[in-house]
């Protein structure tokens, strides 16, 4: 039988293949569910408590507040017993259906889970702008503080699996969206591993990830890339929402200081050289209305971490995004990378990153700059050099320092530490400057 949405549904079943009559709340009274006994016990507790209160009230009114008499102990006992039985019923009901409702197997953690979820529902409205690995790192930490989270993701990727799907099928590159979906997911399970699974063989499949193919297939089914992201978010129980900066077929090009122009995101990084100016094509690409609305209503807008020229700036060069950043009353935060990126920001200090942002947008594009203050030694294992603050004044921004290094991958931020300093900025707290850890060596 089809339901009201035209979707075929299965009849109710009691486990033995027999269809159960009735529906709605009546199903809670079916045998074996484990609810009736606790409801009955709770009802008994309410009844005993009510009788006890009635008995004590009658004695008080009849005797005009006399001295407490031995016969009044029955009322007190009924009240105490009623409360005890009611609490026992509530605890039993909590232990019976709590795991099913909250999806938790650890009964002792349910209260903490409820508190955490309610806190996240009331959390600040945070917008994160960027792409690549850096944005995923930020989202993985921020999702623990709020469910009111929007990730605005660049669509200029033209390399790897995403680039192939973009060229062959004409869809926005799904790779960064896939990574962010997994980062924002509440399901740390085989499902997230499945989305990240990359085929290692197969004609036409080799190099593609399952998540990319899922998003592309869902786009075809729903006739909308945004709808595909929504459905994927439901599958992975994502905190917040993901939206593209634009649905236009965006292409990057960069003019280098030697006068040459390079087209294509992957070509810019491969070519290297010092970037003087970045451009998008089409230059009048229309911003996603959901992205614009999220920025205008945000409490905090975070740009980065991530590739300055190929992950962050492509979003800001979309005029609708830039105009929304001018209008918003949110605190605007730029998270500076902890290490330079070969082919994009070689030799950059913190001030060079900020100046590049301001040069391509407007002077007050950010109010705060988050900078790592833990010196790192990358050795030869990692490309790039530590990004340092060289002391040059930063116009229109306040510097927020913190020990933000991921010890296992010292060219990346630690998700929890980064999220903590973002929340400090939101609450107006100064980041505590504890003792620095020992330099990271590789």
Protein backbone atom coordinates (compact mmCIF):
# COMPACT_ATOMS: atom_id res chain seq x y z
CA UNK A 1 0.00 0.00 0.00
CA UNK A 2 1.24 3.49 -0.78
CA UNK A 3 1.27 6.21 1.82
CA UNK A 4 0.17 9.79 1.33
CA UNK A 5 3.44 10.60 -0.44
CA UNK A 6 3.01 7.83 -2.95
CA UNK A 7 5.73 5.70 -1.37
CA UNK A 8 5.11 2.03 -0.89
CA UNK A 9 5.22 1.13 2.80
CA UNK A 10 5.28 -2.14 4.74
CA UNK A 11 2.46 -3.15 7.13
CA UNK A 12 3.06 -3.16 10.88
CA UNK A 13 4.35 -6.50 12.11
CA UNK A 14 4.79 -8.04 15.55
CA UNK A 15 7.85 -10.08 14.60
CA UNK A 16 5.94 -13.27 13.84
CA UNK A 17 4.69 -12.16 10.45
CA UNK A 18 1.28 -11.19 11.80
CA UNK A 19 -0.03 -7.76 11.01
CA UNK A 20 -0.77 -5.67 14.08
CA UNK A 21 -4.08 -3.79 14.25
CA UNK A 22 -4.37 -0.11 15.01
CA UNK A 23 -1.72 2.55 14.72
CA UNK A 24 -0.28 5.67 16.25
CA UNK A 25 0.02 5.76 20.04
CA UNK A 26 -1.93 2.49 20.40
CA UNK A 27 1.17 0.64 19.20
CA UNK A 28 2.90 1.60 22.45
CA UNK A 29 0.54 -0.83 24.22
CA UNK A 30 1.54 -3.87 22.14
CA UNK A 31 3.07 -6.80 24.09
CA UNK A 32 6.85 -6.97 24.32
CA UNK A 33 7.58 -3.27 23.91
CA UNK A 34 8.38 -2.85 27.61
CA UNK A 35 6.44 0.34 28.24
CA UNK A 36 3.12 -0.70 29.83
CA UNK A 37 4.65 -1.95 33.08
CA UNK A 38 6.48 1.32 33.71
CA UNK A 39 3.48 3.43 32.77
CA UNK A 40 1.35 1.37 35.18
CA UNK A 41 3.94 1.73 37.94
CA UNK A 42 4.14 5.46 37.39
CA UNK A 43 0.34 5.74 37.46
CA UNK A 44 0.29 3.84 40.77
CA UNK A 45 2.83 6.27 42.18
CA UNK A 46 0.76 9.28 41.12
CA UNK A 47 -2.35 7.72 42.66
CA UNK A 48 -0.60 7.02 46.00
CA UNK A 49 0.86 10.53 46.08
CA UNK A 50 -2.54 12.08 45.33
CA UNK A 51 -4.29 10.10 48.07
CA UNK A 52 -1.60 11.03 50.57
CA UNK A 53 -1.86 14.73 49.71
CA UNK A 54 -5.65 14.59 49.92
CA UNK A 55 -5.49 12.86 53.32
CA UNK A 56 -3.06 15.43 54.76
CA UNK A 57 -5.03 18.34 53.34
CA UNK A 58 -8.25 17.08 54.88
CA UNK A 59 -6.63 16.74 58.29
CA UNK A 60 -5.18 20.25 58.08
CA UNK A 61 -8.47 21.90 57.14
CA UNK A 62 -10.59 19.90 59.58
CA UNK A 63 -8.38 20.44 62.64
CA UNK A 64 -7.27 24.00 61.83
CA UNK A 65 -3.52 23.27 61.73
CA UNK A 66 -3.33 21.23 64.95
CA UNK A 67 -0.27 19.60 66.37
CA UNK A 68 0.90 16.72 64.17
CA UNK A 69 -0.94 13.54 65.31
CA UNK A 70 0.18 9.90 65.06
CA UNK A 71 -2.68 9.12 62.70
CA UNK A 72 -1.32 11.57 60.15
CA UNK A 73 1.69 9.40 59.38
CA UNK A 74 -0.37 7.40 56.90
CA UNK A 75 -0.68 10.45 54.65
CA UNK A 76 3.07 11.15 54.85
CA UNK A 77 3.88 7.53 54.03
CA UNK A 78 1.54 7.57 51.04
CA UNK A 79 3.17 10.75 49.70
CA UNK A 80 6.71 9.36 50.14
CA UNK A 81 5.78 5.97 48.70
CA UNK A 82 3.99 7.60 45.77
CA UNK A 83 7.04 9.72 44.90
CA UNK A 84 9.35 6.69 45.18
CA UNK A 85 7.13 4.54 42.94
CA UNK A 86 6.74 7.39 40.42
CA UNK A 87 10.53 7.83 40.24
CA UNK A 88 10.99 4.07 39.79
CA UNK A 89 8.52 4.09 36.91
CA UNK A 90 10.21 7.07 35.26
CA UNK A 91 13.66 5.45 35.56
CA UNK A 92 12.32 2.19 34.14
CA UNK A 93 10.71 3.99 31.22
CA UNK A 94 13.93 5.96 30.66
CA UNK A 95 16.00 2.78 30.54
CA UNK A 96 13.47 1.01 28.34
CA UNK A 97 12.97 3.47 25.51
CA UNK A 98 15.82 5.95 25.91
CA UNK A 99 18.33 4.00 23.78
CA UNK A 100 15.75 3.56 21.01
CA UNK A 101 14.91 7.27 20.86
CA UNK A 102 18.42 8.62 21.24
CA UNK A 103 20.28 5.91 19.38
CA UNK A 104 22.66 5.30 22.28
CA UNK A 105 23.72 1.90 23.56
CA UNK A 106 25.20 3.25 26.79
CA UNK A 107 22.34 3.87 29.22
CA UNK A 108 24.52 5.84 31.63
CA UNK A 109 25.37 8.36 28.92
CA UNK A 110 21.76 9.17 27.96
CA UNK A 111 21.36 12.10 30.35
CA UNK A 112 24.60 13.61 29.12
CA UNK A 113 23.51 12.96 25.52
CA UNK A 114 20.20 14.77 26.08
CA UNK A 115 21.95 17.72 27.72
CA UNK A 116 24.53 17.94 24.93
CA UNK A 117 21.92 17.80 22.19
CA UNK A 118 19.78 20.46 23.81
CA UNK A 119 22.85 22.67 24.26
CA UNK A 120 23.81 22.27 20.62
CA UNK A 121 20.27 23.10 19.51
CA UNK A 122 20.61 26.43 21.35
CA UNK A 123 24.15 27.02 20.09
CA UNK A 124 25.29 30.05 18.08
CA UNK A 125 24.66 30.37 14.35
CA UNK A 126 28.05 29.69 12.84
CA UNK A 127 28.91 29.87 9.14
CA UNK A 128 32.15 28.26 7.93
CA UNK A 129 33.49 29.25 4.50
CA UNK A 130 36.16 27.34 2.60
CA UNK A 131 36.89 23.92 1.21
CA UNK A 132 39.40 21.11 1.24
CA UNK A 133 40.84 19.41 4.31
CA UNK A 134 41.06 22.58 6.38
CA UNK A 135 37.31 23.19 6.43
CA UNK A 136 36.67 19.56 7.41
CA UNK A 137 39.01 19.97 10.38
CA UNK A 138 37.10 23.03 11.58
CA UNK A 139 33.66 21.43 11.14
CA UNK A 140 34.67 18.31 13.05
CA UNK A 141 35.29 20.43 16.13
CA UNK A 142 32.56 23.07 15.77
CA UNK A 143 29.77 20.50 15.41
CA UNK A 144 30.28 19.60 19.08
CA UNK A 145 29.22 23.13 20.09
CA UNK A 146 26.23 23.87 17.87
CA UNK A 147 23.74 22.36 15.47
CA UNK A 148 23.14 25.77 13.89
CA UNK A 149 26.04 25.28 11.53
CA UNK A 150 26.27 26.11 7.82
CA UNK A 151 29.24 25.17 5.65
CA UNK A 152 29.64 27.24 2.47
CA UNK A 153 31.90 25.31 0.12
CA UNK A 154 33.84 26.27 -2.98
CA UNK A 155 32.91 24.72 -6.35
CA UNK A 156 36.10 25.45 -8.29
CA UNK A 157 37.84 22.08 -7.81
CA UNK A 158 38.87 20.60 -11.17
CA UNK A 159 41.23 17.81 -10.16
CA UNK A 160 40.93 14.14 -9.23
CA UNK A 161 37.60 12.35 -8.98
CA UNK A 162 35.69 15.61 -8.50
CA UNK A 163 37.20 17.13 -11.61
CA UNK A 164 36.38 14.08 -13.71
CA UNK A 165 32.75 14.04 -12.58
CA UNK A 166 32.48 17.76 -13.14
CA UNK A 167 33.77 17.53 -16.72
CA UNK A 168 31.90 14.37 -17.69
CA UNK A 169 28.52 15.00 -16.02
CA UNK A 170 28.38 18.76 -15.59
CA UNK A 171 27.81 18.65 -11.83
CA UNK A 172 29.50 20.76 -9.14
CA UNK A 173 32.63 19.01 -7.83
CA UNK A 174 31.41 16.81 -4.97
CA UNK A 175 34.71 15.98 -3.21
CA UNK A 176 34.85 18.82 -0.68
CA UNK A 177 31.15 18.38 0.05
CA UNK A 178 31.72 14.69 0.73
CA UNK A 179 34.56 15.40 3.17
CA UNK A 180 32.50 18.01 4.99
CA UNK A 181 29.46 15.72 5.19
CA UNK A 182 31.57 13.10 6.92
CA UNK A 183 33.17 15.70 9.21
CA UNK A 184 29.74 17.01 10.28
CA UNK A 185 28.22 13.56 10.62
CA UNK A 186 26.98 12.15 13.91
CA UNK A 187 27.57 8.61 12.70
CA UNK A 188 31.12 7.48 13.42
CA UNK A 189 30.53 4.13 11.77
CA UNK A 190 30.97 2.03 8.68
CA UNK A 191 28.62 4.44 6.89
CA UNK A 192 31.14 7.27 7.04
CA UNK A 193 33.88 4.86 5.98
CA UNK A 194 31.69 3.88 3.03
CA UNK A 195 31.35 7.51 1.91
CA UNK A 196 35.14 7.87 1.98
CA UNK A 197 35.81 4.55 0.24
CA UNK A 198 37.78 5.02 -2.97
CA UNK A 199 37.68 2.42 -5.74
CA UNK A 200 41.15 1.12 -6.58
CA UNK A 201 40.21 -0.75 -9.73
CA UNK A 202 37.51 -1.01 -12.35
CA UNK A 203 37.18 0.60 -15.73
CA UNK A 204 35.78 4.09 -15.12
CA UNK A 205 35.51 3.51 -11.34
CA UNK A 206 39.17 3.61 -10.37
CA UNK A 207 39.96 6.77 -8.43
CA UNK A 208 36.35 7.65 -7.65
CA UNK A 209 35.03 7.64 -4.07
CA UNK A 210 31.66 6.13 -3.22
CA UNK A 211 30.51 9.38 -1.61
CA UNK A 212 31.19 11.35 -4.78
CA UNK A 213 29.19 8.88 -6.85
CA UNK A 214 26.37 8.88 -4.29
CA UNK A 215 26.05 12.70 -4.41
CA UNK A 216 26.15 12.72 -8.22
CA UNK A 217 23.52 9.95 -8.45
CA UNK A 218 21.29 11.74 -5.93
CA UNK A 219 21.66 14.94 -7.95
CA UNK A 220 20.32 13.10 -10.98
CA UNK A 221 17.44 11.60 -9.00
CA UNK A 222 16.37 14.86 -7.36
CA UNK A 223 17.34 17.17 -10.26
CA UNK A 224 19.08 19.42 -7.74
CA UNK A 225 22.57 19.47 -6.24
CA UNK A 226 21.24 21.14 -3.09
CA UNK A 227 18.58 18.45 -2.69
CA UNK A 228 21.26 15.79 -3.12
CA UNK A 229 23.24 17.35 -0.27
CA UNK A 230 20.10 17.40 1.88
CA UNK A 231 19.45 13.70 1.30
CA UNK A 232 23.09 12.81 1.96
CA UNK A 233 22.91 14.85 5.17
CA UNK A 234 19.92 12.79 6.30
CA UNK A 235 21.77 9.53 5.63
CA UNK A 236 24.78 10.62 7.68
CA UNK A 237 22.84 12.44 10.44
CA UNK A 238 24.70 15.67 9.75
CA UNK A 239 24.78 18.59 12.20
CA UNK A 240 23.77 21.67 10.25
CA UNK A 241 23.69 22.14 6.49
CA UNK A 242 26.03 22.34 3.51
CA UNK A 243 25.52 24.73 0.62
CA UNK A 244 27.65 25.63 -2.41
CA UNK A 245 28.87 29.21 -2.67
CA UNK A 246 27.37 29.18 -6.16
CA UNK A 247 25.98 26.58 -8.54
CA UNK A 248 27.70 28.25 -11.50
CA UNK A 249 30.37 26.29 -13.37
CA UNK A 250 33.18 28.22 -11.71
CA UNK A 251 36.71 28.38 -13.13
CA UNK A 252 39.68 30.00 -11.39
CA UNK A 253 42.51 31.90 -13.01
CA UNK A 254 45.45 33.70 -11.45
CA UNK A 255 47.74 36.47 -12.66
CA UNK A 256 51.26 35.94 -11.33
CA UNK A 257 53.77 38.64 -10.47
CA UNK A 258 55.81 37.65 -13.56
CA UNK A 259 52.87 38.70 -15.74
CA UNK A 260 51.70 35.21 -16.72
CA UNK A 261 48.09 34.04 -16.27
CA UNK A 262 47.25 30.48 -15.25
CA UNK A 263 43.75 28.98 -15.59
CA UNK A 264 42.28 26.12 -13.55
CA UNK A 265 42.56 25.44 -9.83
CA UNK A 266 44.91 22.48 -10.13
CA UNK A 267 47.07 24.31 -12.69
CA UNK A 268 47.53 27.28 -10.35
CA UNK A 269 48.97 25.09 -7.62
CA UNK A 270 51.10 23.05 -10.01
CA UNK A 271 52.50 26.13 -11.76
CA UNK A 272 53.64 27.79 -8.56
CA UNK A 273 54.90 31.32 -8.55
CA UNK A 274 53.70 34.34 -6.59
CA UNK A 275 50.03 35.15 -7.13
CA UNK A 276 49.21 38.80 -7.69
CA UNK A 277 45.48 38.57 -8.43
CA UNK A 278 42.87 35.81 -8.48
CA UNK A 279 39.82 35.80 -10.77
CA UNK A 280 36.67 33.72 -11.18
CA UNK A 281 34.82 32.96 -14.38
CA UNK A 282 31.99 33.80 -14.76
CA UNK A 283 32.83 36.98 -12.81
CA UNK A 284 29.14 37.62 -12.10
CA UNK A 285 28.42 34.13 -10.74
CA UNK A 286 25.24 34.21 -8.67
CA UNK A 287 25.61 33.31 -5.00
CA UNK A 288 23.47 30.59 -3.46
CA UNK A 289 20.54 32.33 -1.70
CA UNK A 290 20.90 29.90 1.23
CA UNK A 291 24.55 30.91 1.62
CA UNK A 292 23.69 34.62 1.57
CA UNK A 293 20.90 34.18 4.10
CA UNK A 294 23.11 32.12 6.43
CA UNK A 295 25.84 34.80 6.43
CA UNK A 296 23.41 37.63 7.07
CA UNK A 297 21.81 35.82 10.02
CA UNK A 298 25.03 34.39 11.50
CA UNK A 299 26.54 35.11 14.91
CA UNK A 300 30.01 34.10 13.71
CA UNK A 301 31.43 33.68 10.21
CA UNK A 302 34.66 31.68 9.98
CA UNK A 303 36.87 31.76 6.89
CA UNK A 304 39.39 28.94 6.74
CA UNK A 305 41.56 27.18 7.53
CA UNK A 306 42.48 25.95 4.06
CA UNK A 307 44.19 26.90 0.83
CA UNK A 308 44.06 30.70 0.68
CA UNK A 309 43.80 31.06 -3.11
CA UNK A 310 41.99 27.86 -4.09
CA UNK A 311 39.67 27.14 -1.16
CA UNK A 312 38.83 30.40 0.63
CA UNK A 313 39.10 33.27 -1.85
CA UNK A 314 37.03 31.58 -4.62
CA UNK A 315 34.02 31.80 -2.27
CA UNK A 316 34.67 35.43 -1.36
CA UNK A 317 35.04 36.48 -5.00
CA UNK A 318 31.39 35.55 -5.61
CA UNK A 319 29.88 39.03 -5.33
CA UNK A 320 26.78 37.91 -3.42
CA UNK A 321 28.96 36.29 -0.74
CA UNK A 322 31.16 39.38 -0.48
CA UNK A 323 28.15 41.70 -0.19
CA UNK A 324 26.61 39.51 2.51
CA UNK A 325 29.87 39.70 4.48
CA UNK A 326 29.71 43.50 4.28
CA UNK A 327 26.13 43.52 5.60
CA UNK A 328 26.34 40.91 8.33
CA UNK A 329 26.61 41.89 11.99
CA UNK A 330 28.39 38.64 12.79
CA UNK A 331 31.89 38.39 14.19
CA UNK A 332 34.10 37.58 11.19
CA UNK A 333 37.05 35.31 11.86
CA UNK A 334 39.88 34.29 9.56
CA UNK A 335 41.79 31.17 10.61
CA UNK A 336 45.32 31.45 9.28
CA UNK A 337 47.01 28.21 8.22
CA UNK A 338 49.71 26.83 10.50
CA UNK A 339 52.02 26.14 7.54
CA UNK A 340 52.57 27.68 4.12
CA UNK A 341 51.36 25.85 1.03
CA UNK A 342 53.72 25.09 -1.81
CA UNK A 343 52.54 26.68 -5.05
CA UNK A 344 50.28 29.20 -3.31
CA UNK A 345 51.66 30.88 -0.20
CA UNK A 346 55.37 30.05 -0.09
CA UNK A 347 57.17 32.53 2.17
CA UNK A 348 53.92 34.03 3.51
CA UNK A 349 53.67 35.38 7.04
CA UNK A 350 50.38 35.99 8.85
CA UNK A 351 50.25 39.57 7.52
CA UNK A 352 50.63 38.35 3.92
CA UNK A 353 47.58 36.10 4.30
CA UNK A 354 45.49 38.93 5.75
CA UNK A 355 46.62 41.43 3.11
CA UNK A 356 45.71 38.98 0.33
CA UNK A 357 42.21 38.60 1.79
CA UNK A 358 41.73 42.33 2.07
CA UNK A 359 43.18 43.07 -1.36
CA UNK A 360 40.76 40.70 -3.08
CA UNK A 361 37.68 41.77 -1.06
CA UNK A 362 37.47 44.76 1.30
CA UNK A 363 39.44 46.00 4.37
CA UNK A 364 36.97 44.80 7.02
CA UNK A 365 36.39 41.34 5.55
CA UNK A 366 37.52 39.93 8.91
CA UNK A 367 37.55 41.27 12.47
CA UNK A 368 39.68 38.54 14.04
CA UNK A 369 42.65 36.49 12.86
CA UNK A 370 43.30 33.20 14.64
CA UNK A 371 47.00 32.32 14.65
CA UNK A 372 48.92 29.34 15.98
CA UNK A 373 51.49 30.29 18.63
CA UNK A 374 53.13 26.89 19.06
CA UNK A 375 56.42 26.89 17.10
CA UNK A 376 56.75 23.81 14.91
CA UNK A 377 59.66 22.21 13.12
CA UNK A 378 58.39 20.37 10.07
CA UNK A 379 61.66 18.82 8.99
CA UNK A 380 61.57 17.01 5.65
CA UNK A 381 58.39 14.99 6.10
CA UNK A 382 56.07 17.89 5.29
CA UNK A 383 56.14 20.55 2.59
CA UNK A 384 55.85 24.18 3.58
CA UNK A 385 57.15 26.24 6.49
CA UNK A 386 55.49 27.43 9.70
CA UNK A 387 53.34 30.54 9.26
CA UNK A 388 54.64 33.14 11.71
CA UNK A 389 53.50 36.59 12.74
CA UNK A 390 56.34 38.86 11.68
CA UNK A 391 55.21 41.78 13.80
CA UNK A 392 53.82 43.87 10.96
CA UNK A 393 50.61 45.65 12.02
CA UNK A 394 47.36 44.08 10.89
CA UNK A 395 44.75 46.63 9.80
CA UNK A 396 41.17 46.35 11.07
CA UNK A 397 41.72 43.01 12.84
CA UNK A 398 42.43 41.65 16.29
CA UNK A 399 44.95 38.84 16.67
CA UNK A 400 43.83 35.73 18.58
CA UNK A 401 46.66 33.35 19.41
CA UNK A 402 46.42 29.74 20.53
CA UNK A 403 48.26 26.44 20.60
CA UNK A 404 46.41 24.87 17.67
CA UNK A 405 48.74 22.19 16.26
CA UNK A 406 47.55 18.66 15.56
CA UNK A 407 50.47 16.65 16.95
CA UNK A 408 49.81 13.74 14.61
CA UNK A 409 49.79 15.97 11.53
CA UNK A 410 51.60 19.21 12.45
CA UNK A 411 50.67 21.10 9.26
CA UNK A 412 47.02 20.92 10.32
CA UNK A 413 44.94 22.38 13.13
CA UNK A 414 43.65 20.36 16.06
CA UNK A 415 39.85 20.28 15.66
CA UNK A 416 38.98 20.62 19.34
CA UNK A 417 41.48 23.40 20.07
CA UNK A 418 40.42 25.34 16.99
CA UNK A 419 36.73 25.03 17.88
CA UNK A 420 37.47 26.17 21.43
CA UNK A 421 39.15 29.41 20.32
CA UNK A 422 36.30 30.12 17.86
CA UNK A 423 33.82 29.75 20.73
CA UNK A 424 36.00 32.04 22.86
CA UNK A 425 35.77 34.69 20.14
CA UNK A 426 31.99 34.26 20.03
CA UNK A 427 31.64 34.62 23.82
CA UNK A 428 34.09 37.52 23.96
CA UNK A 429 36.56 35.60 26.08
CA UNK A 430 40.29 36.05 25.65
CA UNK A 431 42.09 32.86 24.72
CA UNK A 432 44.26 31.69 27.61
CA UNK A 433 47.93 31.53 26.75
CA UNK A 434 49.03 28.44 28.65
CA UNK A 435 52.51 27.03 28.58
CA UNK A 436 53.52 26.12 25.05
CA UNK A 437 54.17 22.50 24.21
CA UNK A 438 57.54 21.36 23.03
CA UNK A 439 58.25 22.07 19.34
CA UNK A 440 57.08 19.35 16.98
CA UNK A 441 59.91 17.63 15.18
CA UNK A 442 59.69 15.37 12.16
